[in-house]
Protein backbone atom coordinates (compact mmCIF):
# COMPACT_ATOMS: atom_id res chain seq x y z
CA MET A 1 -17.05 8.60 4.07
CA SER A 2 -15.04 5.66 2.78
CA PHE A 3 -15.31 2.19 4.29
CA TRP A 4 -11.73 2.22 5.58
CA LYS A 5 -12.16 5.58 7.26
CA GLU A 6 -15.33 4.43 8.95
CA LEU A 7 -13.54 1.28 10.08
CA TYR A 8 -10.67 3.35 11.50
CA ILE A 9 -13.04 5.64 13.38
CA GLY A 10 -15.00 2.66 14.69
CA LEU A 11 -11.91 0.80 15.95
CA ARG A 12 -10.02 3.82 17.27
CA ARG A 13 -11.60 3.85 20.70
CA PRO A 14 -11.42 0.11 21.45
CA MET A 15 -7.82 -0.02 20.20
CA LEU A 16 -6.96 2.92 22.43
CA ALA A 17 -8.57 1.11 25.35
CA ILE A 18 -6.50 -2.01 24.62
CA ALA A 19 -3.30 0.07 24.39
CA CYS A 20 -4.06 1.75 27.71
CA GLY A 21 -4.72 -1.64 29.28
CA TYR A 22 -1.39 -2.96 28.00
CA LEU A 23 0.43 0.10 29.35
CA ALA A 24 -1.23 -0.34 32.74
CA PHE A 25 -0.22 -4.01 32.74
CA MET A 26 3.44 -3.21 32.02
CA LEU A 27 3.41 -0.52 34.70
CA SER A 28 1.99 -3.02 37.18
CA ILE A 29 4.83 -5.45 36.41
CA GLY A 30 7.36 -2.70 37.08
CA VAL A 31 5.75 -1.92 40.42
CA LEU A 32 5.76 -5.64 41.31
CA VAL A 33 9.48 -5.93 40.53
CA VAL A 34 10.23 -3.04 42.89
CA LEU A 35 7.97 -4.33 45.67
CA MET A 36 8.86 -8.01 45.43
CA GLY A 37 12.59 -7.63 44.78
CA ALA A 38 12.56 -10.36 42.13
CA TRP A 39 12.90 -10.59 38.37
CA PRO A 40 10.81 -12.00 37.03
CA PRO A 41 8.28 -11.57 39.86
CA PHE A 42 6.23 -14.40 38.34
CA MET A 43 6.76 -18.13 37.96
CA VAL A 44 4.72 -20.74 36.09
CA VAL A 45 3.87 -23.89 38.04
CA GLU A 46 4.80 -26.93 35.96
CA SER A 47 3.86 -29.86 38.25
CA ARG A 48 0.93 -30.95 40.37
CA SER A 49 2.89 -31.40 43.60
CA MET A 50 0.90 -28.58 45.27
CA GLN A 51 -2.56 -29.45 43.94
CA HIS A 52 -5.30 -30.56 46.31
CA ASP A 53 -7.11 -32.49 43.57
CA ASP A 54 -5.37 -34.44 40.80
CA ASN A 55 -7.96 -33.54 38.16
CA VAL A 56 -9.53 -30.20 39.12
CA SER A 57 -7.88 -26.84 39.75
CA ALA A 58 -9.20 -24.31 42.26
CA ILE A 59 -8.64 -20.63 42.91
CA GLY A 60 -6.56 -20.19 46.07
CA ILE A 61 -4.69 -23.48 45.51
CA ILE A 62 -1.41 -23.70 43.56
CA ASP A 63 -2.24 -25.87 40.55
CA THR A 64 -0.44 -26.88 37.37
CA GLY A 65 -0.51 -23.97 34.92
CA ASP A 66 -1.00 -21.27 37.54
CA VAL A 67 1.25 -18.23 37.62
CA ILE A 68 2.53 -17.44 41.11
CA VAL A 69 3.79 -14.10 42.41
CA VAL A 70 7.16 -14.36 44.20
CA ASN A 71 8.24 -12.02 47.00
CA SER A 72 12.02 -12.27 47.43
CA ARG A 73 11.98 -9.75 50.27
CA GLN A 74 10.24 -12.27 52.52
CA ASN A 75 12.54 -15.16 53.35
CA GLY A 76 14.65 -16.46 56.19
CA SER A 77 13.27 -16.02 59.67
CA SER A 78 10.16 -14.20 58.42
CA LEU A 79 8.81 -17.41 56.87
CA ARG A 80 6.04 -19.33 58.63
CA THR A 81 6.14 -23.12 58.73
CA TYR A 82 3.26 -25.58 58.90
CA LEU A 83 4.13 -26.70 62.44
CA GLY A 84 4.73 -23.15 63.60
CA SER A 85 1.33 -22.12 62.25
CA MET A 86 -0.57 -24.80 64.16
CA ARG A 87 -0.58 -22.50 67.19
CA ASP A 88 -2.25 -19.46 65.61
CA GLY A 89 -3.94 -20.91 62.52
CA TYR A 90 -1.90 -18.94 59.96
CA TRP A 91 -3.04 -20.08 56.52
CA SER A 92 -1.88 -19.62 52.92
CA PHE A 93 -2.93 -21.30 49.67
CA GLY A 94 -5.21 -23.84 51.23
CA ASP A 95 -3.12 -24.98 54.21
CA ARG A 96 -1.01 -23.89 57.17
CA GLY A 97 2.34 -22.19 56.70
CA ASP A 98 4.03 -20.41 53.81
CA VAL A 99 4.67 -21.79 50.35
CA VAL A 100 8.32 -21.13 49.50
CA ILE A 101 10.47 -21.15 46.36
CA PHE A 102 13.93 -22.61 46.85
CA GLN A 103 16.80 -23.84 44.69
CA PRO A 104 19.55 -25.94 46.27
CA PRO A 105 22.92 -26.13 44.49
CA GLY A 106 22.77 -28.48 41.52
CA GLU A 107 19.03 -28.07 40.96
CA ASP A 108 18.23 -26.67 37.50
CA VAL A 109 14.70 -25.53 38.32
CA PRO A 110 13.41 -23.79 41.48
CA ILE A 111 11.06 -25.88 43.62
CA VAL A 112 7.73 -24.57 44.94
CA HIS A 113 6.68 -26.42 48.10
CA ARG A 114 5.33 -25.72 51.59
CA ALA A 115 7.62 -25.02 54.53
CA LEU A 116 6.87 -27.91 56.89
CA CYS A 117 9.14 -27.25 59.87
CA VAL A 118 12.55 -26.00 60.99
CA VAL A 119 15.38 -28.25 62.13
CA GLU A 120 18.43 -26.83 63.92
CA TYR A 121 21.65 -28.80 64.03
CA ASN A 122 22.82 -29.43 67.60
CA SER A 123 26.58 -30.01 67.39
CA THR A 124 26.80 -30.96 71.07
CA ALA A 125 24.25 -33.76 70.76
CA GLY A 126 25.13 -34.62 67.17
CA GLY A 127 21.48 -34.43 66.14
CA PHE A 128 18.67 -32.04 65.26
CA ASP A 129 16.60 -29.79 67.51
CA MET A 130 12.97 -29.28 66.48
CA PRO A 131 11.77 -26.49 68.79
CA GLU A 132 8.37 -26.18 67.09
CA LEU A 133 7.43 -29.60 68.54
CA ALA A 134 7.53 -28.16 72.05
CA ASP A 135 4.30 -26.22 71.49
CA LEU A 136 2.34 -29.07 69.89
CA PRO A 137 -0.02 -31.43 71.73
CA GLY A 138 1.26 -34.92 72.48
CA GLN A 139 -0.96 -36.60 69.91
CA ALA A 140 0.50 -34.47 67.09
CA TRP A 141 3.94 -36.12 67.03
CA SER A 142 6.03 -38.98 68.36
CA VAL A 143 9.56 -40.37 68.48
CA PRO A 144 10.54 -44.08 68.73
CA ASP A 145 11.15 -44.09 72.49
CA GLY A 146 7.77 -42.52 73.19
CA GLY A 147 9.35 -39.54 74.94
CA ARG A 148 8.71 -35.83 74.49
CA GLU A 149 12.30 -34.73 73.91
CA TRP A 150 12.71 -32.54 70.84
CA ARG A 151 16.42 -31.79 71.26
CA GLY A 152 19.29 -33.75 69.72
CA LEU A 153 17.06 -36.03 67.66
CA THR A 154 18.87 -38.61 65.52
CA GLY A 155 16.12 -41.04 64.52
CA TRP A 156 12.60 -40.99 63.17
CA VAL A 157 10.05 -38.29 63.98
CA ASP A 158 6.42 -38.93 63.07
CA LEU A 159 3.96 -36.05 62.55
CA TYR A 160 0.22 -36.83 62.50
CA GLY A 161 -2.75 -35.27 60.74
CA ILE A 162 -0.68 -33.13 58.39
CA GLY A 163 -2.11 -31.16 55.49
CA HIS A 164 -5.38 -31.17 53.59
CA ALA A 165 -4.99 -34.93 53.01
CA ASN A 166 -4.56 -35.60 56.76
CA VAL A 167 -1.38 -37.64 56.28
CA THR A 168 1.27 -39.04 58.61
CA VAL A 169 4.70 -37.62 57.84
CA CYS A 170 7.68 -39.77 58.87
CA ILE A 171 10.97 -37.87 58.87
CA ASP A 172 14.18 -39.93 58.91
CA LEU A 173 16.53 -37.51 60.66
CA GLY A 174 19.18 -40.21 61.02
CA GLY A 175 19.20 -40.83 57.28
CA ILE A 176 19.49 -37.11 56.58
CA LEU A 177 22.45 -36.85 58.98
CA ARG A 178 24.20 -39.75 57.26
CA THR A 179 23.60 -38.19 53.87
CA MET A 180 25.20 -34.89 54.92
CA GLY A 181 28.27 -36.64 56.30
CA ASP A 182 30.85 -34.31 57.82
CA ALA A 183 28.96 -31.10 56.99
CA PRO A 184 25.62 -31.27 58.83
CA HIS A 185 23.43 -28.20 59.01
CA GLY A 186 19.91 -27.14 59.86
CA GLY A 187 17.27 -25.42 57.77
CA LEU A 188 13.78 -25.92 56.42
CA MET A 189 12.04 -29.24 55.92
CA THR A 190 9.67 -28.95 52.96
CA MET A 191 6.91 -30.96 51.30
CA GLY A 192 4.48 -30.65 48.41
CA ASP A 193 0.81 -30.58 49.45
CA ASN A 194 0.09 -33.39 46.99
CA ASN A 195 3.16 -35.50 47.76
CA TRP A 196 1.77 -38.44 49.65
CA LYS A 197 1.19 -42.14 49.09
CA GLU A 198 -1.16 -44.72 50.55
CA ALA A 199 -0.12 -47.98 52.21
CA ASP A 200 -2.32 -50.41 54.14
CA GLY A 201 -5.17 -47.92 54.12
CA GLU A 202 -3.11 -45.10 55.64
CA ARG A 203 -1.78 -41.99 53.94
CA PHE A 204 1.88 -41.07 54.36
CA GLY A 205 3.36 -37.73 53.37
CA VAL A 206 6.69 -37.65 51.55
CA VAL A 207 9.04 -34.86 52.63
CA ASP A 208 11.49 -33.47 50.09
CA GLN A 209 14.53 -34.25 52.25
CA GLY A 210 15.60 -37.76 51.39
CA SER A 211 13.47 -37.95 48.25
CA LEU A 212 13.67 -34.79 46.13
CA VAL A 213 16.69 -33.13 47.77
CA ARG A 214 19.43 -34.46 50.06
CA GLU A 215 19.28 -32.13 53.05
CA PRO A 216 17.41 -29.37 54.90
CA ILE A 217 17.00 -26.18 52.90
CA LYS A 218 19.47 -23.51 53.96
CA TRP A 219 18.02 -20.02 54.31
CA GLU A 220 20.25 -18.72 51.52
CA TRP A 221 18.74 -21.27 49.13
CA VAL A 222 15.28 -19.77 49.63
CA ILE A 223 14.40 -17.42 46.76
CA GLY A 224 11.26 -16.13 48.45
CA LYS A 225 7.71 -17.01 49.29
CA VAL A 226 4.55 -17.16 47.20
CA VAL A 227 2.31 -14.17 47.88
CA GLY A 228 -0.16 -14.40 45.01
CA GLU A 229 -1.65 -16.67 42.37
CA VAL A 230 -3.01 -15.97 38.89
CA PRO A 231 -4.97 -19.10 37.95
CA TRP A 232 -4.77 -20.89 34.59
CA ILE A 233 -2.84 -18.28 32.56
CA GLY A 234 0.48 -20.16 32.74
CA THR A 235 -1.14 -22.97 30.76
CA VAL A 236 -0.44 -20.94 27.60
CA ARG A 237 3.32 -20.97 28.24
CA LEU A 238 3.29 -24.71 28.95
CA TRP A 239 1.53 -25.34 25.64
CA LEU A 240 3.81 -23.08 23.63
CA THR A 241 6.98 -24.61 25.08
CA GLY A 242 5.73 -28.18 24.76
CA THR A 243 6.05 -28.77 28.51
CA ALA A 244 2.36 -29.13 29.32
CA PRO A 245 1.99 -32.35 31.36
CA PRO A 246 -0.70 -34.92 30.50
CA TYR A 247 -2.36 -34.38 33.87
CA MET A 248 -3.24 -30.71 33.25
CA PRO A 249 -6.58 -30.06 35.03
CA VAL A 250 -9.35 -30.04 32.42
CA ASN A 251 -11.26 -27.17 34.02
CA SER A 252 -8.11 -24.99 33.85
CA VAL A 253 -8.20 -25.16 30.05
CA VAL A 254 -11.93 -24.37 29.89
CA LEU A 255 -11.68 -21.46 32.33
CA LEU A 256 -8.59 -20.08 30.59
CA VAL A 257 -10.36 -20.00 27.21
CA ALA A 258 -13.40 -18.36 28.80
CA SER A 259 -11.22 -15.76 30.54
CA ILE A 260 -9.30 -14.87 27.36
CA ALA A 261 -12.55 -14.54 25.41
CA SER A 262 -14.03 -12.28 28.09
CA VAL A 263 -11.00 -10.01 28.24
CA THR A 264 -10.76 -9.81 24.44
CA MET A 265 -14.42 -8.92 23.99
CA LEU A 266 -14.64 -6.45 26.87
CA PRO A 267 -13.34 -3.38 24.98
CA VAL A 268 -15.61 -4.17 22.02
CA ALA A 269 -18.60 -4.60 24.32
CA LEU A 270 -17.87 -1.31 26.09
CA TYR A 271 -17.52 0.50 22.79
CA ALA A 272 -20.76 -0.98 21.46
CA SER A 273 -22.57 0.08 24.63
CA ALA A 274 -21.18 3.61 24.38
CA GLN A 275 -22.25 3.83 20.72
CA ALA A 276 -25.73 2.61 21.55
CA LEU A 277 -26.10 5.20 24.31
CA ASP A 278 -24.77 7.93 22.01
CA ASN A 279 -27.19 7.02 19.22
CA HIS A 280 -30.05 6.92 21.70
CA GLY A 281 -29.15 10.40 22.94
CA ARG A 282 -29.02 11.78 19.42
CA ARG A 283 -32.45 10.38 18.58
CA ARG A 284 -33.87 12.12 21.62
């Protein structure tokens, strides 16, 4: 038997296994598109705004270079906010509340951040209602006058002990109202898990409204929520497109290389094991 024929016979089974794996992968993507109602059902995370550690990635946390699975069928009133989840302990991706994908008009790239709370515009009072505050203990929030009124708010609202970093979040509702001018509306207040700064020894969270975007996120701007995470694999796309940031977690690169090597060698290892068992059986 010629060398090339032997090589073909030897590689036929592992190549068939790889082809079957590829077919199963493509079929899985098709099923995801149908179930999630989105194309593509995946999105590569390009920033560290959701990381819980600046230098190390972790499974179950949305890190730079991760691929997230987007469910566009779950949005609007079905979303869970951080404040709303303080009552029952609902948890996703390392913290309370859902992580949502949204894209306000004028934004070129969708934003992936956590739903912090809901604000409802109260046209009678000319301010915002925050009904989720009603179910929180007194030490969890405050307003300038020290009262417990959550209706018709037009000033600052401070939220305490928020997120994995245990930050104080100061929301300038008055500033948001002035920014919206004659077209005020309610919606979602959002914030990245890693978006906080330190001043005078205290950590302060930075909400998107007033910093990243101008106003609360309307429900129709919400693309969906994150329902899954594939760690590290998006790093390849960031490298190939030249968009990999300098703060890419080092362990993500190491684990990605190890994962690719393992997947690549698996069919070969299975074939070698099968051959060894077959030869052993023939000798017997």
